[in-house]
């Protein structure tokens, strides 16, 4: 019987959870295949997204 290493460890989960909370994520999912999925919350109806500056470039002709 062979012993396989874990696909993820507690430190990986802790690191992903702390980073997700710091960025305002809604949830962190850990899948059996070792994938750590961070769920970002969508704006609710009625909320307006924050306006962003349009990206532009200046060209000299």
Protein backbone atom coordinates (compact mmCIF):
# COMPACT_ATOMS: atom_id res chain seq x y z
CA UNK A 1 0.00 0.00 0.00
CA UNK A 2 1.54 3.29 -1.09
CA UNK A 3 1.15 6.53 0.75
CA UNK A 4 0.41 9.57 -1.41
CA UNK A 5 1.02 13.15 -0.40
CA UNK A 6 -1.87 15.49 0.22
CA UNK A 7 -3.01 17.70 -2.64
CA UNK A 8 -3.23 20.66 -0.28
CA UNK A 9 -2.40 21.30 3.34
CA UNK A 10 -3.77 23.49 6.10
CA UNK A 11 -1.28 26.27 5.31
CA UNK A 12 -2.54 26.45 1.70
CA UNK A 13 -6.15 26.73 2.85
CA UNK A 14 -5.28 29.31 5.50
CA UNK A 15 -3.29 31.41 3.02
CA UNK A 16 -6.10 31.38 0.44
CA UNK A 17 -8.75 32.19 3.04
CA UNK A 18 -6.84 35.14 4.50
CA UNK A 19 -6.13 36.59 1.05
CA UNK A 20 -9.75 36.16 -0.01
CA UNK A 21 -11.08 37.86 3.13
CA UNK A 22 -8.65 40.74 2.66
CA UNK A 23 -10.00 41.30 -0.87
CA UNK A 24 -13.67 40.99 0.15
CA UNK A 25 -14.47 37.58 -1.35
CA UNK A 26 -17.76 35.92 -0.50
CA UNK A 27 -16.42 32.38 0.04
CA UNK A 28 -13.53 29.98 -0.44
CA UNK A 29 -14.21 26.47 -1.77
CA UNK A 30 -11.73 23.59 -1.53
CA UNK A 31 -12.45 20.85 -4.06
CA UNK A 32 -11.40 17.18 -3.64
CA UNK A 33 -8.93 17.44 -6.54
CA UNK A 34 -6.95 20.11 -4.66
CA UNK A 35 -8.40 23.14 -6.40
CA UNK A 36 -8.93 26.14 -4.14
CA UNK A 37 -11.70 28.30 -5.63
CA UNK A 38 -12.30 31.86 -4.43
CA UNK A 39 -15.88 33.08 -4.94
CA UNK A 40 -16.19 36.80 -5.58
CA UNK A 41 -19.51 38.34 -4.62
CA UNK A 42 -21.52 39.92 -7.40
CA UNK A 43 -23.12 43.33 -6.87
CA UNK A 44 -26.75 43.01 -5.82
CA UNK A 45 -29.55 44.51 -7.88
CA UNK A 46 -29.91 48.19 -7.17
CA UNK A 47 -26.24 48.66 -6.31
CA UNK A 48 -24.17 50.65 -8.75
CA UNK A 49 -20.60 49.57 -9.46
CA UNK A 50 -17.90 52.06 -8.63
CA UNK A 51 -16.99 54.20 -11.63
CA UNK A 52 -13.53 53.62 -13.02
CA UNK A 53 -11.29 55.88 -15.03
CA UNK A 54 -11.28 54.91 -18.71
CA UNK A 55 -7.94 53.65 -19.95
CA UNK A 56 -6.42 55.83 -22.62
CA UNK A 57 -3.10 56.48 -24.29
CA UNK A 58 -1.64 59.69 -25.62
CA UNK A 59 -0.04 59.46 -29.05
CA UNK A 60 2.17 62.07 -30.66
CA UNK A 61 1.81 62.32 -34.43
